[in-house]
Amino acid sequence: MSKYLLEVAANSVASAVAAQAGGAGRVELCAALELGGLTPSQAVIAMVRERLRIPLYVLIRPRAGDFLYDDDECEAMRRDIETCVGLGCDGVVLGVLDADGEVDMERCYGLIAAAGHLGITFHRAFDLVRDPRRALDDVIALGCERVLTSGGQASALAGAALIREMIGQANGRIAIMPGAGVTADNLTALATATGACEFHASAKRQLASGMRHRPPLLTDMQGGELRSDEEQVRALVQTLRSIR
C-alpha cells in the first residue's frame, strides 16, 4: 500500500464523485475554486456526504480575499462548522490570521471547539503569515492534523525548500501537505524535493458549455463549469504509487 495520499479540492458533487472514482484518498469540498475556494452550500455538503466513501473535509471560508475576519464572519464560520458536524463530515479546513500576520489563536480555538471530534486542516492562510516557523508551532498548539501550504510561493514546487524545512520542524507532530500547481507532471519532483506524504490538487478542467443559445454581448457568462477530472486524478494517484 502506498504511503502517499492525494487530496482533491472538489468544487461540486460531480467533482467529488470524480475524485473518488479516480482514486483520491480524501476530498476537500469547496465552492468557487476560481476565488481560491469558499464554503459550499449545506445542500451540496449533504449530497457529497451521501455519495462518498472516502473522507470528506469541508472548506470553511466565508468570502474571498484575506483571512482577517470580524465577529460576524467568525460566527458564520462557526455555524458552517456545526453544519458539517451534523452532516457527518470527517473534518473541516480553516484558518484565521490577525492584522499582523500571526495566527489568530483565540478565533481559531473557537472554531476548532465548534468542530468537536472532526479533523482540522489549517488552510493556505498559512502562506500569508509573517513568520512561518512560529506559525507552524502555533498551528501545532491548536491541535490541527495538517497544514496546507505552497511554502509561501505561487506554487508548491517553488516553495519546496520551505516545505521540506517545515516537515523537519514538525517532526511528525503534524502533516505538511503541499498544494498549489500540483500536477502529475511535477508530483514526483515535488515529493522528492519536500519529503511530504500528502498532496493537494484540484485536477480540474474546463468543460464546454452545453448552451446552444449564446447572446453575443454576454460571452463572459457563458463558459462551461470547472470540474475535477477523473483521469487527471487517476494520473496523480498512479504517479504517487510509482514513487519509491
C-alpha atoms as a PDB file:
ATOM      1  CA  MET A   1       0.000   0.000   0.000  1.00  0.00           C
ATOM      2  CA  SER A   2       1.363   3.439  -0.919  1.00  0.00           C
ATOM      3  CA  LYS A   3       2.444   5.699   1.925  1.00  0.00           C
ATOM      4  CA  TYR A   4       1.237   8.672  -0.103  1.00  0.00           C
ATOM      5  CA  LEU A   5      -2.210  10.249  -0.152  1.00  0.00           C
ATOM      6  CA  LEU A   6      -3.843  12.567  -2.655  1.00  0.00           C
ATOM      7  CA  GLU A   7      -6.454  15.081  -1.510  1.00  0.00           C
ATOM      8  CA  VAL A   8      -8.565  16.642  -4.249  1.00  0.00           C
ATOM      9  CA  ALA A   9     -10.147  20.083  -3.977  1.00  0.00           C
ATOM     10  CA  ALA A  10     -13.604  19.379  -5.387  1.00  0.00           C
ATOM     11  CA  ASN A  11     -16.000  22.209  -6.176  1.00  0.00           C
ATOM     12  CA  SER A  12     -19.236  20.270  -6.755  1.00  0.00           C
ATOM     13  CA  VAL A  13     -20.969  16.953  -6.288  1.00  0.00           C
ATOM     14  CA  ALA A  14     -19.738  15.843  -9.717  1.00  0.00           C
ATOM     15  CA  SER A  15     -16.152  16.853  -8.880  1.00  0.00           C
ATOM     16  CA  ALA A  16     -16.226  14.957  -5.595  1.00  0.00           C
ATOM     17  CA  VAL A  17     -17.555  11.824  -7.267  1.00  0.00           C
ATOM     18  CA  ALA A  18     -14.890  12.113  -9.985  1.00  0.00           C
ATOM     19  CA  ALA A  19     -12.176  12.487  -7.336  1.00  0.00           C
ATOM     20  CA  GLN A  20     -13.321   9.321  -5.594  1.00  0.00           C
ATOM     21  CA  ALA A  21     -13.571   7.407  -8.878  1.00  0.00           C
ATOM     22  CA  GLY A  22     -10.036   8.459  -9.796  1.00  0.00           C
ATOM     23  CA  GLY A  23      -8.618   7.064  -6.560  1.00  0.00           C
ATOM     24  CA  ALA A  24      -8.256  10.143  -4.340  1.00  0.00           C
ATOM     25  CA  GLY A  25      -7.774   9.406  -0.668  1.00  0.00           C
ATOM     26  CA  ARG A  26      -9.682  12.434   0.581  1.00  0.00           C
ATOM     27  CA  VAL A  27     -11.856  15.262  -0.754  1.00  0.00           C
ATOM     28  CA  GLU A  28     -11.711  18.890   0.301  1.00  0.00           C
ATOM     29  CA  LEU A  29     -15.123  20.200  -0.713  1.00  0.00           C
ATOM     30  CA  CYS A  30     -15.435  23.866  -1.621  1.00  0.00           C
ATOM     31  CA  ALA A  31     -17.198  26.286  -3.930  1.00  0.00           C
ATOM     32  CA  ALA A  32     -15.706  28.948  -6.226  1.00  0.00           C
ATOM     33  CA  LEU A  33     -12.315  27.426  -6.946  1.00  0.00           C
ATOM     34  CA  GLU A  34     -11.593  30.440  -9.148  1.00  0.00           C
ATOM     35  CA  LEU A  35     -11.640  32.567  -5.953  1.00  0.00           C
ATOM     36  CA  GLY A  36      -9.382  30.217  -4.049  1.00  0.00           C
ATOM     37  CA  GLY A  37     -12.323  28.289  -2.615  1.00  0.00           C
ATOM     38  CA  LEU A  38     -15.300  29.251  -0.442  1.00  0.00           C
ATOM     39  CA  THR A  39     -17.649  27.298   1.818  1.00  0.00           C
ATOM     40  CA  PRO A  40     -20.097  25.217  -0.248  1.00  0.00           C
ATOM     41  CA  SER A  41     -23.830  25.180   0.418  1.00  0.00           C
ATOM     42  CA  GLN A  42     -25.379  22.909   3.017  1.00  0.00           C
ATOM     43  CA  ALA A  43     -27.217  21.018   0.283  1.00  0.00           C
ATOM     44  CA  VAL A  44     -24.002  20.302  -1.631  1.00  0.00           C
ATOM     45  CA  ILE A  45     -22.227  19.168   1.542  1.00  0.00           C
ATOM     46  CA  ALA A  46     -25.104  16.814   2.355  1.00  0.00           C
ATOM     47  CA  MET A  47     -25.231  15.354  -1.156  1.00  0.00           C
ATOM     48  CA  VAL A  48     -21.473  14.789  -1.278  1.00  0.00           C
ATOM     49  CA  ARG A  49     -21.521  13.150   2.155  1.00  0.00           C
ATOM     50  CA  GLU A  50     -24.182  10.742   0.894  1.00  0.00           C
ATOM     51  CA  ARG A  51     -22.097   9.741  -2.134  1.00  0.00           C
ATOM     52  CA  LEU A  52     -18.551   9.487  -0.814  1.00  0.00           C
ATOM     53  CA  ARG A  53     -16.934   6.506   0.856  1.00  0.00           C
ATOM     54  CA  ILE A  54     -13.622   8.364   1.324  1.00  0.00           C
ATOM     55  CA  PRO A  55     -13.041  11.059   3.971  1.00  0.00           C
ATOM     56  CA  LEU A  56     -14.750  14.394   3.370  1.00  0.00           C
ATOM     57  CA  TYR A  57     -13.305  17.669   4.641  1.00  0.00           C
ATOM     58  CA  VAL A  58     -15.165  20.927   4.003  1.00  0.00           C
ATOM     59  CA  LEU A  59     -13.552  24.309   3.414  1.00  0.00           C
ATOM     60  CA  ILE A  60     -14.731  26.928   5.913  1.00  0.00           C
ATOM     61  CA  ARG A  61     -14.132  30.289   4.264  1.00  0.00           C
ATOM     62  CA  PRO A  62     -16.931  32.882   4.118  1.00  0.00           C
ATOM     63  CA  ARG A  63     -15.506  35.165   1.428  1.00  0.00           C
ATOM     64  CA  ALA A  64     -12.645  35.729  -0.963  1.00  0.00           C
ATOM     65  CA  GLY A  65      -9.712  37.936  -0.053  1.00  0.00           C
ATOM     66  CA  ASP A  66      -7.635  37.938   3.107  1.00  0.00           C
ATOM     67  CA  PHE A  67      -8.055  35.849   6.257  1.00  0.00           C
ATOM     68  CA  LEU A  68      -8.690  38.682   8.723  1.00  0.00           C
ATOM     69  CA  TYR A  69     -12.251  38.033   9.882  1.00  0.00           C
ATOM     70  CA  ASP A  70     -14.637  40.045  12.070  1.00  0.00           C
ATOM     71  CA  ASP A  71     -17.056  38.684  14.666  1.00  0.00           C
ATOM     72  CA  ASP A  72     -19.925  38.169  12.220  1.00  0.00           C
ATOM     73  CA  GLU A  73     -17.700  36.259   9.785  1.00  0.00           C
ATOM     74  CA  CYS A  74     -16.407  34.060  12.583  1.00  0.00           C
ATOM     75  CA  GLU A  75     -19.954  33.380  13.729  1.00  0.00           C
ATOM     76  CA  ALA A  76     -20.887  32.384  10.175  1.00  0.00           C
ATOM     77  CA  MET A  77     -17.890  30.030  10.062  1.00  0.00           C
ATOM     78  CA  ARG A  78     -18.819  28.545  13.433  1.00  0.00           C
ATOM     79  CA  ARG A  79     -22.332  27.803  12.195  1.00  0.00           C
ATOM     80  CA  ASP A  80     -20.983  26.275   8.975  1.00  0.00           C
ATOM     81  CA  ILE A  81     -18.747  24.035  11.073  1.00  0.00           C
ATOM     82  CA  GLU A  82     -21.714  22.948  13.171  1.00  0.00           C
ATOM     83  CA  THR A  83     -23.499  22.052   9.942  1.00  0.00           C
ATOM     84  CA  CYS A  84     -20.551  19.875   8.942  1.00  0.00           C
ATOM     85  CA  VAL A  85     -20.641  18.133  12.316  1.00  0.00           C
ATOM     86  CA  GLY A  86     -24.355  17.481  11.936  1.00  0.00           C
ATOM     87  CA  LEU A  87     -23.967  16.093   8.418  1.00  0.00           C
ATOM     88  CA  GLY A  88     -21.283  13.621   9.453  1.00  0.00           C
ATOM     89  CA  CYS A  89     -18.285  15.138   7.689  1.00  0.00           C
ATOM     90  CA  ASP A  90     -14.845  13.889   8.650  1.00  0.00           C
ATOM     91  CA  GLY A  91     -13.178  17.267   9.014  1.00  0.00           C
ATOM     92  CA  VAL A  92     -13.053  20.947   8.204  1.00  0.00           C
ATOM     93  CA  VAL A  93     -10.437  23.198   6.647  1.00  0.00           C
ATOM     94  CA  LEU A  94      -9.997  26.608   8.273  1.00  0.00           C
ATOM     95  CA  GLY A  95      -7.619  29.415   9.182  1.00  0.00           C
ATOM     96  CA  VAL A  96      -7.781  32.886  10.716  1.00  0.00           C
ATOM     97  CA  LEU A  97      -4.996  35.478  10.896  1.00  0.00           C
ATOM     98  CA  ASP A  98      -4.680  38.760  12.755  1.00  0.00           C
ATOM     99  CA  ALA A  99      -3.736  42.060  11.136  1.00  0.00           C
ATOM    100  CA  ASP A 100      -0.043  41.495  11.887  1.00  0.00           C
ATOM    101  CA  GLY A 101       0.157  38.222  10.007  1.00  0.00           C
ATOM    102  CA  GLU A 102       0.051  35.973  13.056  1.00  0.00           C
ATOM    103  CA  VAL A 103      -2.250  33.004  13.598  1.00  0.00           C
ATOM    104  CA  ASP A 104      -5.295  34.341  15.477  1.00  0.00           C
ATOM    105  CA  MET A 105      -5.219  31.764  18.242  1.00  0.00           C
ATOM    106  CA  GLU A 106      -8.359  32.929  20.040  1.00  0.00           C
ATOM    107  CA  ARG A 107     -10.570  32.883  16.965  1.00  0.00           C
ATOM    108  CA  CYS A 108      -9.109  29.602  15.744  1.00  0.00           C
ATOM    109  CA  TYR A 109      -9.642  27.961  19.137  1.00  0.00           C
ATOM    110  CA  GLY A 110     -13.302  28.993  18.984  1.00  0.00           C
ATOM    111  CA  LEU A 111     -13.795  27.465  15.554  1.00  0.00           C
ATOM    112  CA  ILE A 112     -11.948  24.286  16.473  1.00  0.00           C
ATOM    113  CA  ALA A 113     -14.081  23.898  19.592  1.00  0.00           C
ATOM    114  CA  ALA A 114     -17.184  24.006  17.383  1.00  0.00           C
ATOM    115  CA  ALA A 115     -15.715  21.191  15.262  1.00  0.00           C
ATOM    116  CA  GLY A 116     -15.670  18.791  18.212  1.00  0.00           C
ATOM    117  CA  HIS A 117     -14.289  15.437  17.069  1.00  0.00           C
ATOM    118  CA  LEU A 118     -13.785  16.498  13.426  1.00  0.00           C
ATOM    119  CA  GLY A 119     -10.289  16.611  11.960  1.00  0.00           C
ATOM    120  CA  ILE A 120      -8.793  20.035  11.302  1.00  0.00           C
ATOM    121  CA  THR A 121      -6.660  21.196   8.374  1.00  0.00           C
ATOM    122  CA  PHE A 122      -5.163  24.697   8.573  1.00  0.00           C
ATOM    123  CA  HIS A 123      -5.505  26.051   5.042  1.00  0.00           C
ATOM    124  CA  ARG A 124      -3.378  28.350   2.902  1.00  0.00           C
ATOM    125  CA  ALA A 125      -3.915  31.320   5.157  1.00  0.00           C
ATOM    126  CA  PHE A 126      -0.649  29.872   6.411  1.00  0.00           C
ATOM    127  CA  ASP A 127       1.097  31.192   3.304  1.00  0.00           C
ATOM    128  CA  LEU A 128       0.317  34.770   4.376  1.00  0.00           C
ATOM    129  CA  VAL A 129       1.852  34.601   7.868  1.00  0.00           C
ATOM    130  CA  ARG A 130       4.759  36.822   8.891  1.00  0.00           C
ATOM    131  CA  ASP A 131       6.894  34.017  10.326  1.00  0.00           C
ATOM    132  CA  PRO A 132       6.042  30.506   9.062  1.00  0.00           C
ATOM    133  CA  ARG A 133       8.243  28.795  11.629  1.00  0.00           C
ATOM    134  CA  ARG A 134       6.485  30.423  14.563  1.00  0.00           C
ATOM    135  CA  ALA A 135       3.120  30.000  12.858  1.00  0.00           C
ATOM    136  CA  LEU A 136       3.746  26.272  12.478  1.00  0.00           C
ATOM    137  CA  ASP A 137       4.259  25.940  16.226  1.00  0.00           C
ATOM    138  CA  ASP A 138       1.019  27.868  16.758  1.00  0.00           C
ATOM    139  CA  VAL A 139      -0.913  25.582  14.408  1.00  0.00           C
ATOM    140  CA  ILE A 140       0.502  22.539  16.181  1.00  0.00           C
ATOM    141  CA  ALA A 141      -0.598  24.052  19.504  1.00  0.00           C
ATOM    142  CA  LEU A 142      -4.119  24.406  18.088  1.00  0.00           C
ATOM    143  CA  GLY A 143      -4.223  20.641  17.593  1.00  0.00           C
ATOM    144  CA  CYS A 144      -4.555  20.689  13.796  1.00  0.00           C
ATOM    145  CA  GLU A 145      -3.867  17.492  11.855  1.00  0.00           C
ATOM    146  CA  ARG A 146      -2.175  19.162   8.919  1.00  0.00           C
ATOM    147  CA  VAL A 147      -1.185  22.386   7.203  1.00  0.00           C
ATOM    148  CA  LEU A 148      -1.944  23.012   3.531  1.00  0.00           C
ATOM    149  CA  THR A 149       0.795  25.210   2.098  1.00  0.00           C
ATOM    150  CA  SER A 150       2.662  26.220  -1.032  1.00  0.00           C
ATOM    151  CA  GLY A 151       5.659  27.183   1.071  1.00  0.00           C
ATOM    152  CA  GLY A 152       4.704  30.827   0.694  1.00  0.00           C
ATOM    153  CA  GLN A 153       5.231  30.744  -3.076  1.00  0.00           C
ATOM    154  CA  ALA A 154       2.944  30.788  -6.102  1.00  0.00           C
ATOM    155  CA  SER A 155       3.348  27.017  -6.452  1.00  0.00           C
ATOM    156  CA  ALA A 156       4.278  24.221  -4.087  1.00  0.00           C
ATOM    157  CA  LEU A 157       7.234  23.254  -6.258  1.00  0.00           C
ATOM    158  CA  ALA A 158       8.613  26.803  -5.987  1.00  0.00           C
ATOM    159  CA  GLY A 159       8.131  26.645  -2.210  1.00  0.00           C
ATOM    160  CA  ALA A 160       9.565  23.136  -1.834  1.00  0.00           C
ATOM    161  CA  ALA A 161      12.584  24.187   0.235  1.00  0.00           C
ATOM    162  CA  LEU A 162      10.462  25.800   2.944  1.00  0.00           C
ATOM    163  CA  ILE A 163       8.009  22.897   2.882  1.00  0.00           C
ATOM    164  CA  ARG A 164      10.867  20.477   3.488  1.00  0.00           C
ATOM    165  CA  GLU A 165      12.119  22.655   6.339  1.00  0.00           C
ATOM    166  CA  MET A 166       8.645  22.711   7.869  1.00  0.00           C
ATOM    167  CA  ILE A 167       8.385  18.925   7.707  1.00  0.00           C
ATOM    168  CA  GLY A 168      11.635  18.738   9.638  1.00  0.00           C
ATOM    169  CA  GLN A 169      10.400  21.240  12.200  1.00  0.00           C
ATOM    170  CA  ALA A 170       7.099  19.388  12.580  1.00  0.00           C
ATOM    171  CA  ASN A 171       8.962  16.147  13.321  1.00  0.00           C
ATOM    172  CA  GLY A 172       5.811  14.059  12.995  1.00  0.00           C
ATOM    173  CA  ARG A 173       3.625  16.296  15.168  1.00  0.00           C
ATOM    174  CA  ILE A 174       1.562  17.485  12.191  1.00  0.00           C
ATOM    175  CA  ALA A 175       1.375  16.667   8.487  1.00  0.00           C
ATOM    176  CA  ILE A 176       2.606  19.248   5.989  1.00  0.00           C
ATOM    177  CA  MET A 177       0.588  18.957   2.760  1.00  0.00           C
ATOM    178  CA  PRO A 178       1.917  20.752  -0.347  1.00  0.00           C
ATOM    179  CA  GLY A 179      -0.698  22.338  -2.572  1.00  0.00           C
ATOM    180  CA  ALA A 180      -0.837  24.848  -5.466  1.00  0.00           C
ATOM    181  CA  GLY A 181       0.048  23.918  -9.024  1.00  0.00           C
ATOM    182  CA  VAL A 182       0.360  20.186  -8.258  1.00  0.00           C
ATOM    183  CA  THR A 183       0.095  18.008 -11.382  1.00  0.00           C
ATOM    184  CA  ALA A 184       1.055  14.503 -12.434  1.00  0.00           C
ATOM    185  CA  ASP A 185       3.975  16.016 -14.341  1.00  0.00           C
ATOM    186  CA  ASN A 186       5.601  17.637 -11.294  1.00  0.00           C
ATOM    187  CA  LEU A 187       4.408  15.395  -8.478  1.00  0.00           C
ATOM    188  CA  THR A 188       7.451  13.119  -8.381  1.00  0.00           C
ATOM    189  CA  ALA A 189       9.793  16.107  -8.256  1.00  0.00           C
ATOM    190  CA  LEU A 190       7.668  17.699  -5.549  1.00  0.00           C
ATOM    191  CA  ALA A 191       7.640  14.557  -3.433  1.00  0.00           C
ATOM    192  CA  THR A 192      11.406  14.178  -3.789  1.00  0.00           C
ATOM    193  CA  ALA A 193      12.121  17.822  -3.002  1.00  0.00           C
ATOM    194  CA  THR A 194       9.848  18.043   0.040  1.00  0.00           C
ATOM    195  CA  GLY A 195       9.648  14.596   1.598  1.00  0.00           C
ATOM    196  CA  ALA A 196       5.884  15.099   2.010  1.00  0.00           C
ATOM    197  CA  CYS A 197       3.427  12.196   2.067  1.00  0.00           C
ATOM    198  CA  GLU A 198       0.142  14.054   1.466  1.00  0.00           C
ATOM    199  CA  PHE A 199      -0.525  16.229  -1.575  1.00  0.00           C
ATOM    200  CA  HIS A 200      -3.373  18.553  -2.553  1.00  0.00           C
ATOM    201  CA  ALA A 201      -4.557  19.163  -6.121  1.00  0.00           C
ATOM    202  CA  SER A 202      -7.719  20.296  -7.879  1.00  0.00           C
ATOM    203  CA  ALA A 203      -7.101  18.180 -11.021  1.00  0.00           C
ATOM    204  CA  LYS A 204      -9.655  20.350 -12.773  1.00  0.00           C
ATOM    205  CA  ARG A 205     -10.560  21.046 -16.367  1.00  0.00           C
ATOM    206  CA  GLN A 206     -12.942  23.471 -18.042  1.00  0.00           C
ATOM    207  CA  LEU A 207     -15.967  21.782 -19.523  1.00  0.00           C
ATOM    208  CA  ALA A 208     -17.551  23.013 -22.716  1.00  0.00           C
ATOM    209  CA  SER A 209     -20.870  24.726 -22.223  1.00  0.00           C
ATOM    210  CA  GLY A 210     -23.954  22.811 -23.309  1.00  0.00           C
ATOM    211  CA  MET A 211     -25.840  26.003 -24.122  1.00  0.00           C
ATOM    212  CA  ARG A 212     -26.978  26.424 -27.706  1.00  0.00           C
ATOM    213  CA  HIS A 213     -28.399  29.921 -27.120  1.00  0.00           C
ATOM    214  CA  ARG A 214     -25.483  32.323 -26.592  1.00  0.00           C
ATOM    215  CA  PRO A 215     -26.198  36.079 -26.508  1.00  0.00           C
ATOM    216  CA  PRO A 216     -23.212  37.696 -28.273  1.00  0.00           C
ATOM    217  CA  LEU A 217     -22.790  40.551 -25.767  1.00  0.00           C
ATOM    218  CA  LEU A 218     -22.557  38.328 -22.670  1.00  0.00           C
ATOM    219  CA  THR A 219     -19.742  35.965 -23.552  1.00  0.00           C
ATOM    220  CA  ASP A 220     -18.153  36.263 -20.085  1.00  0.00           C
ATOM    221  CA  MET A 221     -21.188  34.468 -18.596  1.00  0.00           C
ATOM    222  CA  GLN A 222     -21.271  31.542 -20.989  1.00  0.00           C
ATOM    223  CA  GLY A 223     -18.313  29.337 -20.147  1.00  0.00           C
ATOM    224  CA  GLY A 224     -18.685  25.745 -19.022  1.00  0.00           C
ATOM    225  CA  GLU A 225     -18.016  24.719 -15.434  1.00  0.00           C
ATOM    226  CA  LEU A 226     -14.699  23.859 -13.836  1.00  0.00           C
ATOM    227  CA  ARG A 227     -14.747  20.246 -12.667  1.00  0.00           C
ATOM    228  CA  SER A 228     -12.278  17.807 -11.155  1.00  0.00           C
ATOM    229  CA  ASP A 229     -11.325  15.348 -13.866  1.00  0.00           C
ATOM    230  CA  GLU A 230     -11.313  11.634 -13.057  1.00  0.00           C
ATOM    231  CA  GLU A 231      -8.456  10.889 -15.448  1.00  0.00           C
ATOM    232  CA  GLN A 232      -6.274  13.658 -14.023  1.00  0.00           C
ATOM    233  CA  VAL A 233      -6.952  12.352 -10.517  1.00  0.00           C
ATOM    234  CA  ARG A 234      -6.085   8.825 -11.624  1.00  0.00           C
ATOM    235  CA  ALA A 235      -2.832  10.047 -13.193  1.00  0.00           C
ATOM    236  CA  LEU A 236      -1.855  11.783  -9.951  1.00  0.00           C
ATOM    237  CA  VAL A 237      -2.647   8.675  -7.889  1.00  0.00           C
ATOM    238  CA  GLN A 238      -0.713   6.428 -10.264  1.00  0.00           C
ATOM    239  CA  THR A 239       2.263   8.775 -10.051  1.00  0.00           C
ATOM    240  CA  LEU A 240       2.195   8.610  -6.263  1.00  0.00           C
ATOM    241  CA  ARG A 241       2.047   4.812  -6.361  1.00  0.00           C
ATOM    242  CA  SER A 242       5.120   4.705  -8.605  1.00  0.00           C
ATOM    243  CA  ILE A 243       7.299   6.754  -6.237  1.00  0.00           C
ATOM    244  CA  ARG A 244       9.812   4.696  -4.292  1.00  0.00           C
END
